[in-house]
Amino acid sequence: MKRFFIAHQLDLMLIMIGICFILFVLTYLTKSLSRKRKAILTAMELGAMLLLIFDRYAYIFRGNVSTMGYWMVRISNFMVFFLILLLEGGFGIYLIDLYSSSPQCR
């Protein structure tokens, strides 16, 4: 099973990028969420999609000794770490909005 995931890691990441994009579009088009919650969720989905894209680029260019490979790995790794922090902050803001608008908290 481990060999399967190693052999198909890039394909699985591409599938997850597509899933994040579809969820982004569906969250953007929904009318059942408040405007603030909708903005938070769309930003989180877009951030997750970008996180997967940059992680995939870092994996593709790892070991490439050219100048482009050097910069792609460095920029991609920076963006992965930055987007993880962004997603954690977005999740915290989402929880604050969820609990502050809950009728049980009033």
PDB file of N, CA and C in Angstrom:
ATOM      1  N   MET A   1       0.825  -1.195   0.000  1.00  0.00           N
ATOM      2  CA  MET A   1       0.000   0.000   0.000  1.00  0.00           C
ATOM      3  C   MET A   1       0.869   1.258   0.000  1.00  0.00           C
ATOM      4  N   LYS A   2       1.972   1.210   0.742  1.00  0.00           N
ATOM      5  CA  LYS A   2       2.865   2.360   0.794  1.00  0.00           C
ATOM      6  C   LYS A   2       3.456   2.647  -0.595  1.00  0.00           C
ATOM      7  N   ARG A   3       3.785   1.616  -1.322  1.00  0.00           N
ATOM      8  CA  ARG A   3       4.333   1.795  -2.669  1.00  0.00           C
ATOM      9  C   ARG A   3       3.311   2.449  -3.597  1.00  0.00           C
ATOM     10  N   PHE A   4       2.040   2.092  -3.416  1.00  0.00           N
ATOM     11  CA  PHE A   4       0.987   2.685  -4.230  1.00  0.00           C
ATOM     12  C   PHE A   4       0.920   4.190  -4.015  1.00  0.00           C
ATOM     13  N   PHE A   5       0.941   4.616  -2.745  1.00  0.00           N
ATOM     14  CA  PHE A   5       0.870   6.049  -2.461  1.00  0.00           C
ATOM     15  C   PHE A   5       2.114   6.790  -2.937  1.00  0.00           C
ATOM     16  N   ILE A   6       3.267   6.166  -2.840  1.00  0.00           N
ATOM     17  CA  ILE A   6       4.495   6.807  -3.321  1.00  0.00           C
ATOM     18  C   ILE A   6       4.456   6.945  -4.846  1.00  0.00           C
ATOM     19  N   ALA A   7       3.966   5.919  -5.524  1.00  0.00           N
ATOM     20  CA  ALA A   7       3.927   5.948  -6.987  1.00  0.00           C
ATOM     21  C   ALA A   7       2.900   6.944  -7.516  1.00  0.00           C
ATOM     22  N   HIS A   8       1.819   7.147  -6.783  1.00  0.00           N
ATOM     23  CA  HIS A   8       0.730   7.987  -7.284  1.00  0.00           C
ATOM     24  C   HIS A   8       0.531   9.259  -6.463  1.00  0.00           C
ATOM     25  N   GLN A   9       1.563   9.703  -5.767  1.00  0.00           N
ATOM     26  CA  GLN A   9       1.430  10.866  -4.888  1.00  0.00           C
ATOM     27  C   GLN A   9       1.049  12.130  -5.655  1.00  0.00           C
ATOM     28  N   LEU A  10       1.688  12.394  -6.763  1.00  0.00           N
ATOM     29  CA  LEU A  10       1.389  13.601  -7.534  1.00  0.00           C
ATOM     30  C   LEU A  10      -0.015  13.567  -8.119  1.00  0.00           C
ATOM     31  N   ASP A  11      -0.451  12.390  -8.540  1.00  0.00           N
ATOM     32  CA  ASP A  11      -1.815  12.273  -9.076  1.00  0.00           C
ATOM     33  C   ASP A  11      -2.852  12.501  -7.981  1.00  0.00           C
ATOM     34  N   LEU A  12      -2.609  11.959  -6.800  1.00  0.00           N
ATOM     35  CA  LEU A  12      -3.535  12.158  -5.679  1.00  0.00           C
ATOM     36  C   LEU A  12      -3.593  13.625  -5.262  1.00  0.00           C
ATOM     37  N   MET A  13      -2.447  14.299  -5.300  1.00  0.00           N
ATOM     38  CA  MET A  13      -2.436  15.721  -4.968  1.00  0.00           C
ATOM     39  C   MET A  13      -3.221  16.521  -5.999  1.00  0.00           C
ATOM     40  N   LEU A  14      -3.119  16.150  -7.255  1.00  0.00           N
ATOM     41  CA  LEU A  14      -3.870  16.834  -8.308  1.00  0.00           C
ATOM     42  C   LEU A  14      -5.376  16.626  -8.133  1.00  0.00           C
ATOM     43  N   ILE A  15      -5.775  15.433  -7.728  1.00  0.00           N
ATOM     44  CA  ILE A  15      -7.191  15.162  -7.458  1.00  0.00           C
ATOM     45  C   ILE A  15      -7.671  16.012  -6.285  1.00  0.00           C
ATOM     46  N   MET A  16      -6.865  16.119  -5.234  1.00  0.00           N
ATOM     47  CA  MET A  16      -7.254  16.930  -4.078  1.00  0.00           C
ATOM     48  C   MET A  16      -7.323  18.414  -4.423  1.00  0.00           C
ATOM     49  N   ILE A  17      -6.450  18.880  -5.324  1.00  0.00           N
ATOM     50  CA  ILE A  17      -6.524  20.263  -5.790  1.00  0.00           C
ATOM     51  C   ILE A  17      -7.850  20.503  -6.497  1.00  0.00           C
ATOM     52  N   GLY A  18      -8.261  19.559  -7.330  1.00  0.00           N
ATOM     53  CA  GLY A  18      -9.550  19.676  -8.010  1.00  0.00           C
ATOM     54  C   GLY A  18     -10.726  19.676  -7.046  1.00  0.00           C
ATOM     55  N   ILE A  19     -10.651  18.841  -6.015  1.00  0.00           N
ATOM     56  CA  ILE A  19     -11.712  18.803  -5.007  1.00  0.00           C
ATOM     57  C   ILE A  19     -11.792  20.134  -4.274  1.00  0.00           C
ATOM     58  N   CYS A  20     -10.644  20.691  -3.905  1.00  0.00           N
ATOM     59  CA  CYS A  20     -10.640  21.993  -3.226  1.00  0.00           C
ATOM     60  C   CYS A  20     -11.216  23.081  -4.118  1.00  0.00           C
ATOM     61  N   PHE A  21     -10.909  23.041  -5.415  1.00  0.00           N
ATOM     62  CA  PHE A  21     -11.451  24.037  -6.330  1.00  0.00           C
ATOM     63  C   PHE A  21     -12.968  23.911  -6.448  1.00  0.00           C
ATOM     64  N   ILE A  22     -13.461  22.673  -6.541  1.00  0.00           N
ATOM     65  CA  ILE A  22     -14.910  22.461  -6.631  1.00  0.00           C
ATOM     66  C   ILE A  22     -15.599  22.951  -5.360  1.00  0.00           C
ATOM     67  N   LEU A  23     -15.022  22.656  -4.199  1.00  0.00           N
ATOM     68  CA  LEU A  23     -15.600  23.140  -2.947  1.00  0.00           C
ATOM     69  C   LEU A  23     -15.554  24.661  -2.854  1.00  0.00           C
ATOM     70  N   PHE A  24     -14.499  25.263  -3.378  1.00  0.00           N
ATOM     71  CA  PHE A  24     -14.400  26.719  -3.425  1.00  0.00           C
ATOM     72  C   PHE A  24     -15.540  27.308  -4.243  1.00  0.00           C
ATOM     73  N   VAL A  25     -15.772  26.755  -5.435  1.00  0.00           N
ATOM     74  CA  VAL A  25     -16.840  27.264  -6.306  1.00  0.00           C
ATOM     75  C   VAL A  25     -18.205  27.060  -5.663  1.00  0.00           C
ATOM     76  N   LEU A  26     -18.437  25.880  -5.092  1.00  0.00           N
ATOM     77  CA  LEU A  26     -19.736  25.605  -4.478  1.00  0.00           C
ATOM     78  C   LEU A  26     -19.971  26.475  -3.249  1.00  0.00           C
ATOM     79  N   THR A  27     -18.935  26.723  -2.466  1.00  0.00           N
ATOM     80  CA  THR A  27     -19.081  27.603  -1.306  1.00  0.00           C
ATOM     81  C   THR A  27     -19.341  29.035  -1.755  1.00  0.00           C
ATOM     82  N   TYR A  28     -18.692  29.453  -2.824  1.00  0.00           N
ATOM     83  CA  TYR A  28     -18.902  30.802  -3.347  1.00  0.00           C
ATOM     84  C   TYR A  28     -20.328  30.992  -3.860  1.00  0.00           C
ATOM     85  N   LEU A  29     -20.899  29.952  -4.443  1.00  0.00           N
ATOM     86  CA  LEU A  29     -22.225  30.065  -5.037  1.00  0.00           C
ATOM     87  C   LEU A  29     -23.381  29.831  -4.062  1.00  0.00           C
ATOM     88  N   THR A  30     -23.085  29.321  -2.878  1.00  0.00           N
ATOM     89  CA  THR A  30     -24.164  29.005  -1.946  1.00  0.00           C
ATOM     90  C   THR A  30     -24.826  30.273  -1.410  1.00  0.00           C
ATOM     91  N   LYS A  31     -26.103  30.139  -1.076  1.00  0.00           N
ATOM     92  CA  LYS A  31     -26.842  31.271  -0.532  1.00  0.00           C
ATOM     93  C   LYS A  31     -27.328  30.994   0.883  1.00  0.00           C
ATOM     94  N   SER A  32     -26.961  29.839   1.431  1.00  0.00           N
ATOM     95  CA  SER A  32     -27.448  29.461   2.748  1.00  0.00           C
ATOM     96  C   SER A  32     -26.530  29.907   3.883  1.00  0.00           C
ATOM     97  N   LEU A  33     -25.381  30.466   3.573  1.00  0.00           N
ATOM     98  CA  LEU A  33     -24.445  30.923   4.600  1.00  0.00           C
ATOM     99  C   LEU A  33     -24.471  32.442   4.702  1.00  0.00           C
ATOM    100  N   SER A  34     -24.090  32.935   5.869  1.00  0.00           N
ATOM    101  CA  SER A  34     -23.969  34.386   6.016  1.00  0.00           C
ATOM    102  C   SER A  34     -22.793  34.879   5.182  1.00  0.00           C
ATOM    103  N   ARG A  35     -22.781  36.156   4.907  1.00  0.00           N
ATOM    104  CA  ARG A  35     -21.745  36.729   4.046  1.00  0.00           C
ATOM    105  C   ARG A  35     -20.338  36.562   4.651  1.00  0.00           C
ATOM    106  N   LYS A  36     -20.220  36.767   5.966  1.00  0.00           N
ATOM    107  CA  LYS A  36     -18.926  36.646   6.631  1.00  0.00           C
ATOM    108  C   LYS A  36     -18.450  35.198   6.635  1.00  0.00           C
ATOM    109  N   ARG A  37     -19.336  34.279   6.966  1.00  0.00           N
ATOM    110  CA  ARG A  37     -18.961  32.864   7.009  1.00  0.00           C
ATOM    111  C   ARG A  37     -18.610  32.353   5.615  1.00  0.00           C
ATOM    112  N   LYS A  38     -19.327  32.828   4.624  1.00  0.00           N
ATOM    113  CA  LYS A  38     -19.053  32.448   3.237  1.00  0.00           C
ATOM    114  C   LYS A  38     -17.667  32.939   2.809  1.00  0.00           C
ATOM    115  N   ALA A  39     -17.321  34.163   3.187  1.00  0.00           N
ATOM    116  CA  ALA A  39     -16.001  34.709   2.841  1.00  0.00           C
ATOM    117  C   ALA A  39     -14.891  33.924   3.524  1.00  0.00           C
ATOM    118  N   ILE A  40     -15.098  33.560   4.767  1.00  0.00           N
ATOM    119  CA  ILE A  40     -14.087  32.799   5.499  1.00  0.00           C
ATOM    120  C   ILE A  40     -13.887  31.429   4.867  1.00  0.00           C
ATOM    121  N   LEU A  41     -14.974  30.740   4.571  1.00  0.00           N
ATOM    122  CA  LEU A  41     -14.867  29.398   3.990  1.00  0.00           C
ATOM    123  C   LEU A  41     -14.268  29.412   2.585  1.00  0.00           C
ATOM    124  N   THR A  42     -14.623  30.406   1.774  1.00  0.00           N
ATOM    125  CA  THR A  42     -14.026  30.478   0.436  1.00  0.00           C
ATOM    126  C   THR A  42     -12.528  30.773   0.525  1.00  0.00           C
ATOM    127  N   ALA A  43     -12.136  31.627   1.464  1.00  0.00           N
ATOM    128  CA  ALA A  43     -10.704  31.915   1.637  1.00  0.00           C
ATOM    129  C   ALA A  43      -9.959  30.670   2.117  1.00  0.00           C
ATOM    130  N   MET A  44     -10.578  29.899   2.995  1.00  0.00           N
ATOM    131  CA  MET A  44      -9.932  28.680   3.471  1.00  0.00           C
ATOM    132  C   MET A  44      -9.805  27.636   2.364  1.00  0.00           C
ATOM    133  N   GLU A  45     -10.822  27.496   1.533  1.00  0.00           N
ATOM    134  CA  GLU A  45     -10.750  26.548   0.424  1.00  0.00           C
ATOM    135  C   GLU A  45      -9.703  26.978  -0.606  1.00  0.00           C
ATOM    136  N   LEU A  46      -9.654  28.267  -0.898  1.00  0.00           N
ATOM    137  CA  LEU A  46      -8.648  28.776  -1.824  1.00  0.00           C
ATOM    138  C   LEU A  46      -7.245  28.584  -1.244  1.00  0.00           C
ATOM    139  N   GLY A  47      -7.102  28.824   0.052  1.00  0.00           N
ATOM    140  CA  GLY A  47      -5.807  28.608   0.707  1.00  0.00           C
ATOM    141  C   GLY A  47      -5.390  27.148   0.694  1.00  0.00           C
ATOM    142  N   ALA A  48      -6.333  26.240   0.911  1.00  0.00           N
ATOM    143  CA  ALA A  48      -6.014  24.806   0.864  1.00  0.00           C
ATOM    144  C   ALA A  48      -5.605  24.384  -0.539  1.00  0.00           C
ATOM    145  N   MET A  49      -6.282  24.938  -1.543  1.00  0.00           N
ATOM    146  CA  MET A  49      -5.934  24.624  -2.919  1.00  0.00           C
ATOM    147  C   MET A  49      -4.529  25.128  -3.249  1.00  0.00           C
ATOM    148  N   LEU A  50      -4.218  26.351  -2.851  1.00  0.00           N
ATOM    149  CA  LEU A  50      -2.878  26.897  -3.099  1.00  0.00           C
ATOM    150  C   LEU A  50      -1.815  26.128  -2.324  1.00  0.00           C
ATOM    151  N   LEU A  51      -2.141  25.709  -1.120  1.00  0.00           N
ATOM    152  CA  LEU A  51      -1.209  24.908  -0.323  1.00  0.00           C
ATOM    153  C   LEU A  51      -0.849  23.628  -1.053  1.00  0.00           C
ATOM    154  N   LEU A  52      -1.844  22.954  -1.600  1.00  0.00           N
ATOM    155  CA  LEU A  52      -1.577  21.723  -2.341  1.00  0.00           C
ATOM    156  C   LEU A  52      -0.802  21.983  -3.634  1.00  0.00           C
ATOM    157  N   ILE A  53      -1.106  23.083  -4.306  1.00  0.00           N
ATOM    158  CA  ILE A  53      -0.384  23.408  -5.542  1.00  0.00           C
ATOM    159  C   ILE A  53       1.093  23.660  -5.246  1.00  0.00           C
ATOM    160  N   PHE A  54       1.375  24.467  -4.230  1.00  0.00           N
ATOM    161  CA  PHE A  54       2.777  24.766  -3.921  1.00  0.00           C
ATOM    162  C   PHE A  54       3.508  23.547  -3.361  1.00  0.00           C
ATOM    163  N   ASP A  55       2.809  22.708  -2.613  1.00  0.00           N
ATOM    164  CA  ASP A  55       3.435  21.484  -2.116  1.00  0.00           C
ATOM    165  C   ASP A  55       3.762  20.545  -3.271  1.00  0.00           C
ATOM    166  N   ARG A  56       2.907  20.514  -4.263  1.00  0.00           N
ATOM    167  CA  ARG A  56       3.159  19.689  -5.449  1.00  0.00           C
ATOM    168  C   ARG A  56       4.362  20.214  -6.226  1.00  0.00           C
ATOM    169  N   TYR A  57       4.458  21.537  -6.377  1.00  0.00           N
ATOM    170  CA  TYR A  57       5.626  22.115  -7.062  1.00  0.00           C
ATOM    171  C   TYR A  57       6.916  21.834  -6.296  1.00  0.00           C
ATOM    172  N   ALA A  58       6.866  21.924  -4.979  1.00  0.00           N
ATOM    173  CA  ALA A  58       8.062  21.635  -4.190  1.00  0.00           C
ATOM    174  C   ALA A  58       8.487  20.183  -4.380  1.00  0.00           C
ATOM    175  N   TYR A  59       7.510  19.294  -4.469  1.00  0.00           N
ATOM    176  CA  TYR A  59       7.821  17.882  -4.682  1.00  0.00           C
ATOM    177  C   TYR A  59       8.365  17.634  -6.086  1.00  0.00           C
ATOM    178  N   ILE A  60       7.809  18.304  -7.085  1.00  0.00           N
ATOM    179  CA  ILE A  60       8.259  18.110  -8.467  1.00  0.00           C
ATOM    180  C   ILE A  60       9.689  18.616  -8.649  1.00  0.00           C
ATOM    181  N   PHE A  61      10.003  19.788  -8.098  1.00  0.00           N
ATOM    182  CA  PHE A  61      11.312  20.406  -8.333  1.00  0.00           C
ATOM    183  C   PHE A  61      12.368  20.006  -7.307  1.00  0.00           C
ATOM    184  N   ARG A  62      12.021  19.150  -6.358  1.00  0.00           N
ATOM    185  CA  ARG A  62      13.009  18.715  -5.366  1.00  0.00           C
ATOM    186  C   ARG A  62      14.106  17.918  -6.063  1.00  0.00           C
ATOM    187  N   GLY A  63      15.351  18.255  -5.790  1.00  0.00           N
ATOM    188  CA  GLY A  63      16.482  17.584  -6.415  1.00  0.00           C
ATOM    189  C   GLY A  63      16.931  18.215  -7.719  1.00  0.00           C
ATOM    190  N   ASN A  64      16.200  19.201  -8.220  1.00  0.00           N
ATOM    191  CA  ASN A  64      16.567  19.901  -9.442  1.00  0.00           C
ATOM    192  C   ASN A  64      17.632  20.935  -9.089  1.00  0.00           C
ATOM    193  N   VAL A  65      18.816  20.829  -9.689  1.00  0.00           N
ATOM    194  CA  VAL A  65      19.934  21.694  -9.319  1.00  0.00           C
ATOM    195  C   VAL A  65      20.029  22.955 -10.160  1.00  0.00           C
ATOM    196  N   SER A  66      19.079  23.163 -11.057  1.00  0.00           N
ATOM    197  CA  SER A  66      19.108  24.382 -11.866  1.00  0.00           C
ATOM    198  C   SER A  66      18.655  25.572 -11.020  1.00  0.00           C
ATOM    199  N   THR A  67      18.835  26.766 -11.560  1.00  0.00           N
ATOM    200  CA  THR A  67      18.427  27.977 -10.849  1.00  0.00           C
ATOM    201  C   THR A  67      16.920  28.015 -10.652  1.00  0.00           C
ATOM    202  N   MET A  68      16.180  27.610 -11.673  1.00  0.00           N
ATOM    203  CA  MET A  68      14.721  27.596 -11.545  1.00  0.00           C
ATOM    204  C   MET A  68      14.275  26.601 -10.482  1.00  0.00           C
ATOM    205  N   GLY A  69      14.893  25.428 -10.455  1.00  0.00           N
ATOM    206  CA  GLY A  69      14.554  24.434  -9.449  1.00  0.00           C
ATOM    207  C   GLY A  69      14.850  24.922  -8.042  1.00  0.00           C
ATOM    208  N   TYR A  70      15.976  25.604  -7.873  1.00  0.00           N
ATOM    209  CA  TYR A  70      16.343  26.155  -6.571  1.00  0.00           C
ATOM    210  C   TYR A  70      15.291  27.135  -6.076  1.00  0.00           C
ATOM    211  N   TRP A  71      14.916  28.094  -6.945  1.00  0.00           N
ATOM    212  CA  TRP A  71      13.947  29.104  -6.528  1.00  0.00           C
ATOM    213  C   TRP A  71      12.539  28.533  -6.367  1.00  0.00           C
ATOM    214  N   MET A  72      12.145  27.585  -7.204  1.00  0.00           N
ATOM    215  CA  MET A  72      10.812  26.984  -7.080  1.00  0.00           C
ATOM    216  C   MET A  72      10.664  26.242  -5.757  1.00  0.00           C
ATOM    217  N   VAL A  73      11.688  25.509  -5.365  1.00  0.00           N
ATOM    218  CA  VAL A  73      11.620  24.780  -4.090  1.00  0.00           C
ATOM    219  C   VAL A  73      11.570  25.753  -2.928  1.00  0.00           C
ATOM    220  N   ARG A  74      12.392  26.804  -2.963  1.00  0.00           N
ATOM    221  CA  ARG A  74      12.421  27.761  -1.847  1.00  0.00           C
ATOM    222  C   ARG A  74      11.102  28.523  -1.733  1.00  0.00           C
ATOM    223  N   ILE A  75      10.604  29.026  -2.859  1.00  0.00           N
ATOM    224  CA  ILE A  75       9.348  29.780  -2.836  1.00  0.00           C
ATOM    225  C   ILE A  75       8.184  28.868  -2.459  1.00  0.00           C
ATOM    226  N   SER A  76       8.170  27.664  -3.002  1.00  0.00           N
ATOM    227  CA  SER A  76       7.083  26.735  -2.692  1.00  0.00           C
ATOM    228  C   SER A  76       7.081  26.351  -1.214  1.00  0.00           C
ATOM    229  N   ASN A  77       8.249  26.078  -0.653  1.00  0.00           N
ATOM    230  CA  ASN A  77       8.311  25.736   0.776  1.00  0.00           C
ATOM    231  C   ASN A  77       7.886  26.916   1.646  1.00  0.00           C
ATOM    232  N   PHE A  78       8.283  28.129   1.278  1.00  0.00           N
ATOM    233  CA  PHE A  78       7.844  29.300   2.028  1.00  0.00           C
ATOM    234  C   PHE A  78       6.326  29.437   1.979  1.00  0.00           C
ATOM    235  N   MET A  79       5.752  29.277   0.791  1.00  0.00           N
ATOM    236  CA  MET A  79       4.304  29.415   0.651  1.00  0.00           C
ATOM    237  C   MET A  79       3.553  28.328   1.411  1.00  0.00           C
ATOM    238  N   VAL A  80       4.115  27.112   1.462  1.00  0.00           N
ATOM    239  CA  VAL A  80       3.477  26.042   2.231  1.00  0.00           C
ATOM    240  C   VAL A  80       3.421  26.424   3.703  1.00  0.00           C
ATOM    241  N   PHE A  81       4.524  26.877   4.267  1.00  0.00           N
ATOM    242  CA  PHE A  81       4.538  27.264   5.681  1.00  0.00           C
ATOM    243  C   PHE A  81       3.639  28.475   5.931  1.00  0.00           C
ATOM    244  N   PHE A  82       3.637  29.433   5.032  1.00  0.00           N
ATOM    245  CA  PHE A  82       2.800  30.622   5.183  1.00  0.00           C
ATOM    246  C   PHE A  82       1.320  30.270   5.103  1.00  0.00           C
ATOM    247  N   LEU A  83       0.952  29.420   4.159  1.00  0.00           N
ATOM    248  CA  LEU A  83      -0.455  29.069   3.986  1.00  0.00           C
ATOM    249  C   LEU A  83      -0.975  28.197   5.128  1.00  0.00           C
ATOM    250  N   ILE A  84      -0.109  27.403   5.753  1.00  0.00           N
ATOM    251  CA  ILE A  84      -0.531  26.647   6.931  1.00  0.00           C
ATOM    252  C   ILE A  84      -0.941  27.606   8.034  1.00  0.00           C
ATOM    253  N   LEU A  85      -0.147  28.654   8.254  1.00  0.00           N
ATOM    254  CA  LEU A  85      -0.497  29.650   9.277  1.00  0.00           C
ATOM    255  C   LEU A  85      -1.773  30.392   8.901  1.00  0.00           C
ATOM    256  N   LEU A  86      -1.931  30.698   7.633  1.00  0.00           N
ATOM    257  CA  LEU A  86      -3.130  31.389   7.163  1.00  0.00           C
ATOM    258  C   LEU A  86      -4.380  30.535   7.366  1.00  0.00           C
ATOM    259  N   LEU A  87      -4.284  29.251   7.090  1.00  0.00           N
ATOM    260  CA  LEU A  87      -5.422  28.359   7.266  1.00  0.00           C
ATOM    261  C   LEU A  87      -5.776  28.187   8.740  1.00  0.00           C
ATOM    262  N   GLU A  88      -4.770  28.120   9.603  1.00  0.00           N
ATOM    263  CA  GLU A  88      -5.047  28.025  11.036  1.00  0.00           C
ATOM    264  C   GLU A  88      -5.752  29.279  11.542  1.00  0.00           C
ATOM    265  N   GLY A  89      -5.312  30.434  11.087  1.00  0.00           N
ATOM    266  CA  GLY A  89      -5.975  31.682  11.464  1.00  0.00           C
ATOM    267  C   GLY A  89      -7.392  31.762  10.931  1.00  0.00           C
ATOM    268  N   GLY A  90      -7.588  31.332   9.702  1.00  0.00           N
ATOM    269  CA  GLY A  90      -8.929  31.327   9.124  1.00  0.00           C
ATOM    270  C   GLY A  90      -9.867  30.390   9.856  1.00  0.00           C
ATOM    271  N   PHE A  91      -9.357  29.248  10.272  1.00  0.00           N
ATOM    272  CA  PHE A  91     -10.186  28.305  11.022  1.00  0.00           C
ATOM    273  C   PHE A  91     -10.568  28.888  12.378  1.00  0.00           C
ATOM    274  N   GLY A  92      -9.636  29.594  13.008  1.00  0.00           N
ATOM    275  CA  GLY A  92      -9.948  30.255  14.282  1.00  0.00           C
ATOM    276  C   GLY A  92     -11.019  31.322  14.119  1.00  0.00           C
ATOM    277  N   ILE A  93     -10.905  32.121  13.051  1.00  0.00           N
ATOM    278  CA  ILE A  93     -11.916  33.151  12.784  1.00  0.00           C
ATOM    279  C   ILE A  93     -13.266  32.504  12.488  1.00  0.00           C
ATOM    280  N   TYR A  94     -13.254  31.387  11.766  1.00  0.00           N
ATOM    281  CA  TYR A  94     -14.507  30.675  11.473  1.00  0.00           C
ATOM    282  C   TYR A  94     -15.161  30.173  12.760  1.00  0.00           C
ATOM    283  N   LEU A  95     -14.360  29.620  13.668  1.00  0.00           N
ATOM    284  CA  LEU A  95     -14.920  29.141  14.935  1.00  0.00           C
ATOM    285  C   LEU A  95     -15.466  30.286  15.777  1.00  0.00           C
ATOM    286  N   ILE A  96     -14.774  31.419  15.786  1.00  0.00           N
ATOM    287  CA  ILE A  96     -15.271  32.583  16.527  1.00  0.00           C
ATOM    288  C   ILE A  96     -16.609  33.033  15.952  1.00  0.00           C
ATOM    289  N   ASP A  97     -16.713  33.098  14.631  1.00  0.00           N
ATOM    290  CA  ASP A  97     -17.968  33.490  13.997  1.00  0.00           C
ATOM    291  C   ASP A  97     -19.069  32.463  14.269  1.00  0.00           C
ATOM    292  N   LEU A  98     -18.712  31.191  14.239  1.00  0.00           N
ATOM    293  CA  LEU A  98     -19.695  30.138  14.473  1.00  0.00           C
ATOM    294  C   LEU A  98     -20.252  30.196  15.889  1.00  0.00           C
ATOM    295  N   TYR A  99     -19.373  30.368  16.860  1.00  0.00           N
ATOM    296  CA  TYR A  99     -19.822  30.384  18.260  1.00  0.00           C
ATOM    297  C   TYR A  99     -20.476  31.709  18.657  1.00  0.00           C
ATOM    298  N   SER A 100     -20.055  32.805  18.048  1.00  0.00           N
ATOM    299  CA  SER A 100     -20.658  34.091  18.403  1.00  0.00           C
ATOM    300  C   SER A 100     -22.063  34.247  17.811  1.00  0.00           C
ATOM    301  N   SER A 101     -22.334  33.557  16.707  1.00  0.00           N
ATOM    302  CA  SER A 101     -23.668  33.663  16.116  1.00  0.00           C
ATOM    303  C   SER A 101     -24.592  32.522  16.550  1.00  0.00           C
ATOM    304  N   SER A 102     -24.102  31.655  17.399  1.00  0.00           N
ATOM    305  CA  SER A 102     -24.917  30.547  17.882  1.00  0.00           C
ATOM    306  C   SER A 102     -25.954  31.055  18.883  1.00  0.00           C
ATOM    307  N   PRO A 103     -27.195  30.580  18.789  1.00  0.00           N
ATOM    308  CA  PRO A 103     -28.225  31.068  19.714  1.00  0.00           C
ATOM    309  C   PRO A 103     -28.003  30.589  21.145  1.00  0.00           C
ATOM    310  N   GLN A 104     -27.232  29.532  21.361  1.00  0.00           N
ATOM    311  CA  GLN A 104     -26.986  29.031  22.706  1.00  0.00           C
ATOM    312  C   GLN A 104     -25.999  29.897  23.473  1.00  0.00           C
ATOM    313  N   CYS A 105     -25.206  30.694  22.768  1.00  0.00           N
ATOM    314  CA  CYS A 105     -24.202  31.545  23.420  1.00  0.00           C
ATOM    315  C   CYS A 105     -24.794  32.863  23.903  1.00  0.00           C
ATOM    316  N   ARG A 106     -26.017  33.173  23.541  1.00  0.00           N
ATOM    317  CA  ARG A 106     -26.605  34.449  23.902  1.00  0.00           C
ATOM    318  C   ARG A 106     -27.419  34.364  25.145  1.00  0.00           C
TER     319      ARG A 106
END
